[in-house]
């Protein structure tokens, strides 16, 4: 499970960096979103060891082991980052639409690329 998570984070990071290096503004915004998803997954994975098939609730009368529970701080950080990331993506898209309306293109330097 950890290998799948690490590969997923790596693919998201690589794709995000590749899109950040593209000349179009929309591709840069998508690259930033992919990088934020990769960082969110990384922070979330730091909360505890991943387990498949574990019981979510402690049985009545069972001894409680605090080490068996997830740390709530990374979960709160990821939830906050998702909200902030959504707001900044919406802001970037509004700025993109305004810039495209003013310049007529979404290319970074204001010129259409040569074909």
C-alpha atoms as a PDB file:
ATOM      1  CA  UNK A   1       0.000   0.000   0.000  1.00  0.00           C
ATOM      2  CA  UNK A   2       2.845   2.379   0.795  1.00  0.00           C
ATOM      3  CA  UNK A   3       4.407   1.727  -2.616  1.00  0.00           C
ATOM      4  CA  UNK A   4       1.173   2.642  -4.402  1.00  0.00           C
ATOM      5  CA  UNK A   5       0.898   5.830  -2.352  1.00  0.00           C
ATOM      6  CA  UNK A   6       4.527   6.770  -3.028  1.00  0.00           C
ATOM      7  CA  UNK A   7       4.098   6.131  -6.757  1.00  0.00           C
ATOM      8  CA  UNK A   8       0.917   8.200  -6.801  1.00  0.00           C
ATOM      9  CA  UNK A   9       2.630  11.107  -5.056  1.00  0.00           C
ATOM     10  CA  UNK A  10       5.575  10.834  -7.453  1.00  0.00           C
ATOM     11  CA  UNK A  11       3.360  10.816 -10.548  1.00  0.00           C
ATOM     12  CA  UNK A  12       1.357  13.798  -9.305  1.00  0.00           C
ATOM     13  CA  UNK A  13       4.532  15.719  -8.471  1.00  0.00           C
ATOM     14  CA  UNK A  14       6.190  14.936 -11.796  1.00  0.00           C
ATOM     15  CA  UNK A  15       3.082  15.842 -13.776  1.00  0.00           C
ATOM     16  CA  UNK A  16       2.628  19.046 -11.796  1.00  0.00           C
ATOM     17  CA  UNK A  17       6.215  20.177 -12.346  1.00  0.00           C
ATOM     18  CA  UNK A  18       5.997  19.334 -16.054  1.00  0.00           C
ATOM     19  CA  UNK A  19       2.805  21.374 -16.407  1.00  0.00           C
ATOM     20  CA  UNK A  20       4.336  24.274 -14.467  1.00  0.00           C
ATOM     21  CA  UNK A  21       7.039  24.507 -17.118  1.00  0.00           C
ATOM     22  CA  UNK A  22       4.504  24.827 -19.964  1.00  0.00           C
ATOM     23  CA  UNK A  23       3.941  28.254 -21.618  1.00  0.00           C
ATOM     24  CA  UNK A  24       0.142  28.355 -21.285  1.00  0.00           C
ATOM     25  CA  UNK A  25      -1.446  29.867 -18.191  1.00  0.00           C
ATOM     26  CA  UNK A  26      -4.147  27.198 -17.896  1.00  0.00           C
ATOM     27  CA  UNK A  27      -1.512  24.456 -17.871  1.00  0.00           C
ATOM     28  CA  UNK A  28       0.367  26.268 -15.100  1.00  0.00           C
ATOM     29  CA  UNK A  29      -2.822  26.425 -13.011  1.00  0.00           C
ATOM     30  CA  UNK A  30      -3.464  22.706 -13.487  1.00  0.00           C
ATOM     31  CA  UNK A  31       0.200  22.020 -12.584  1.00  0.00           C
ATOM     32  CA  UNK A  32      -0.194  23.971  -9.344  1.00  0.00           C
ATOM     33  CA  UNK A  33      -3.346  22.004  -8.537  1.00  0.00           C
ATOM     34  CA  UNK A  34      -1.570  18.669  -9.145  1.00  0.00           C
ATOM     35  CA  UNK A  35       1.329  19.741  -6.936  1.00  0.00           C
ATOM     36  CA  UNK A  36      -1.062  20.722  -4.167  1.00  0.00           C
ATOM     37  CA  UNK A  37      -2.751  17.295  -4.423  1.00  0.00           C
ATOM     38  CA  UNK A  38       0.653  15.619  -4.147  1.00  0.00           C
ATOM     39  CA  UNK A  39       1.553  17.670  -1.071  1.00  0.00           C
ATOM     40  CA  UNK A  40      -1.847  16.920   0.495  1.00  0.00           C
ATOM     41  CA  UNK A  41      -1.347  13.186  -0.016  1.00  0.00           C
ATOM     42  CA  UNK A  42       2.145  13.413   1.452  1.00  0.00           C
ATOM     43  CA  UNK A  43       0.968  15.287   4.552  1.00  0.00           C
ATOM     44  CA  UNK A  44      -1.994  12.933   4.972  1.00  0.00           C
ATOM     45  CA  UNK A  45       0.279   9.898   4.750  1.00  0.00           C
ATOM     46  CA  UNK A  46       2.369  11.259   7.628  1.00  0.00           C
ATOM     47  CA  UNK A  47      -0.606  10.870   9.990  1.00  0.00           C
ATOM     48  CA  UNK A  48      -0.227   7.127  10.600  1.00  0.00           C
ATOM     49  CA  UNK A  49       0.687   3.847   9.018  1.00  0.00           C
ATOM     50  CA  UNK A  50      -1.745   2.835   6.285  1.00  0.00           C
ATOM     51  CA  UNK A  51      -3.906  -0.184   7.175  1.00  0.00           C
ATOM     52  CA  UNK A  52      -6.404  -2.068   5.065  1.00  0.00           C
ATOM     53  CA  UNK A  53      -9.291  -3.874   6.733  1.00  0.00           C
ATOM     54  CA  UNK A  54      -8.758  -2.443  10.234  1.00  0.00           C
ATOM     55  CA  UNK A  55     -11.804  -1.837  12.416  1.00  0.00           C
ATOM     56  CA  UNK A  56     -12.760   1.871  12.556  1.00  0.00           C
ATOM     57  CA  UNK A  57     -14.374   1.683  16.007  1.00  0.00           C
ATOM     58  CA  UNK A  58     -12.996   0.257  19.261  1.00  0.00           C
ATOM     59  CA  UNK A  59     -15.082  -2.507  20.788  1.00  0.00           C
ATOM     60  CA  UNK A  60     -16.817  -1.792  24.086  1.00  0.00           C
ATOM     61  CA  UNK A  61     -14.696  -2.727  27.097  1.00  0.00           C
ATOM     62  CA  UNK A  62     -11.518  -3.193  25.057  1.00  0.00           C
ATOM     63  CA  UNK A  63      -8.285  -1.638  26.236  1.00  0.00           C
ATOM     64  CA  UNK A  64      -7.553   1.543  24.287  1.00  0.00           C
ATOM     65  CA  UNK A  65      -4.110   1.963  22.745  1.00  0.00           C
ATOM     66  CA  UNK A  66      -3.490   5.622  21.740  1.00  0.00           C
ATOM     67  CA  UNK A  67      -0.801   4.523  19.269  1.00  0.00           C
ATOM     68  CA  UNK A  68      -3.434   2.681  17.218  1.00  0.00           C
ATOM     69  CA  UNK A  69      -5.292   5.893  16.325  1.00  0.00           C
ATOM     70  CA  UNK A  70      -4.538   8.381  13.565  1.00  0.00           C
ATOM     71  CA  UNK A  71      -3.010  11.752  14.357  1.00  0.00           C
ATOM     72  CA  UNK A  72      -5.700  14.404  13.717  1.00  0.00           C
ATOM     73  CA  UNK A  73      -3.242  17.242  12.994  1.00  0.00           C
ATOM     74  CA  UNK A  74      -2.257  16.112   9.461  1.00  0.00           C
ATOM     75  CA  UNK A  75      -5.914  15.515   8.664  1.00  0.00           C
ATOM     76  CA  UNK A  76      -6.804  19.042   9.760  1.00  0.00           C
ATOM     77  CA  UNK A  77      -3.890  20.472   7.763  1.00  0.00           C
ATOM     78  CA  UNK A  78      -4.972  18.632   4.623  1.00  0.00           C
ATOM     79  CA  UNK A  79      -8.596  19.718   5.026  1.00  0.00           C
ATOM     80  CA  UNK A  80      -7.481  23.341   5.398  1.00  0.00           C
ATOM     81  CA  UNK A  81      -5.145  23.011   2.406  1.00  0.00           C
ATOM     82  CA  UNK A  82      -7.965  21.633   0.251  1.00  0.00           C
ATOM     83  CA  UNK A  83     -10.177  24.625   1.035  1.00  0.00           C
ATOM     84  CA  UNK A  84      -7.386  27.137   0.463  1.00  0.00           C
ATOM     85  CA  UNK A  85      -6.309  25.355  -2.733  1.00  0.00           C
ATOM     86  CA  UNK A  86      -9.845  25.462  -4.101  1.00  0.00           C
ATOM     87  CA  UNK A  87     -10.116  29.194  -3.371  1.00  0.00           C
ATOM     88  CA  UNK A  88      -6.769  30.039  -4.962  1.00  0.00           C
ATOM     89  CA  UNK A  89      -7.562  27.919  -8.034  1.00  0.00           C
ATOM     90  CA  UNK A  90     -10.838  29.793  -8.456  1.00  0.00           C
ATOM     91  CA  UNK A  91      -8.971  33.102  -8.102  1.00  0.00           C
ATOM     92  CA  UNK A  92      -6.349  32.016 -10.666  1.00  0.00           C
ATOM     93  CA  UNK A  93      -9.071  31.037 -13.123  1.00  0.00           C
ATOM     94  CA  UNK A  94     -10.784  34.427 -12.758  1.00  0.00           C
ATOM     95  CA  UNK A  95      -7.452  36.193 -13.321  1.00  0.00           C
ATOM     96  CA  UNK A  96      -6.828  33.930 -16.336  1.00  0.00           C
ATOM     97  CA  UNK A  97     -10.177  34.848 -17.864  1.00  0.00           C
ATOM     98  CA  UNK A  98      -9.575  38.564 -17.242  1.00  0.00           C
ATOM     99  CA  UNK A  99      -6.082  38.422 -18.743  1.00  0.00           C
ATOM    100  CA  UNK A 100      -7.335  36.511 -21.751  1.00  0.00           C
ATOM    101  CA  UNK A 101     -10.046  39.106 -22.251  1.00  0.00           C
ATOM    102  CA  UNK A 102      -7.526  41.946 -22.125  1.00  0.00           C
ATOM    103  CA  UNK A 103      -4.749  40.399 -24.217  1.00  0.00           C
ATOM    104  CA  UNK A 104      -6.656  37.953 -26.395  1.00  0.00           C
ATOM    105  CA  UNK A 105      -4.343  35.056 -25.492  1.00  0.00           C
ATOM    106  CA  UNK A 106      -3.427  32.949 -22.488  1.00  0.00           C
ATOM    107  CA  UNK A 107       0.218  32.556 -23.474  1.00  0.00           C
ATOM    108  CA  UNK A 108       2.648  33.617 -20.745  1.00  0.00           C
ATOM    109  CA  UNK A 109       4.513  36.267 -22.755  1.00  0.00           C
ATOM    110  CA  UNK A 110       1.343  37.550 -24.485  1.00  0.00           C
ATOM    111  CA  UNK A 111       2.201  36.174 -27.933  1.00  0.00           C
ATOM    112  CA  UNK A 112       0.849  33.143 -29.678  1.00  0.00           C
ATOM    113  CA  UNK A 113       3.495  30.416 -30.127  1.00  0.00           C
ATOM    114  CA  UNK A 114       4.844  29.839 -33.613  1.00  0.00           C
ATOM    115  CA  UNK A 115       3.575  26.701 -35.287  1.00  0.00           C
END
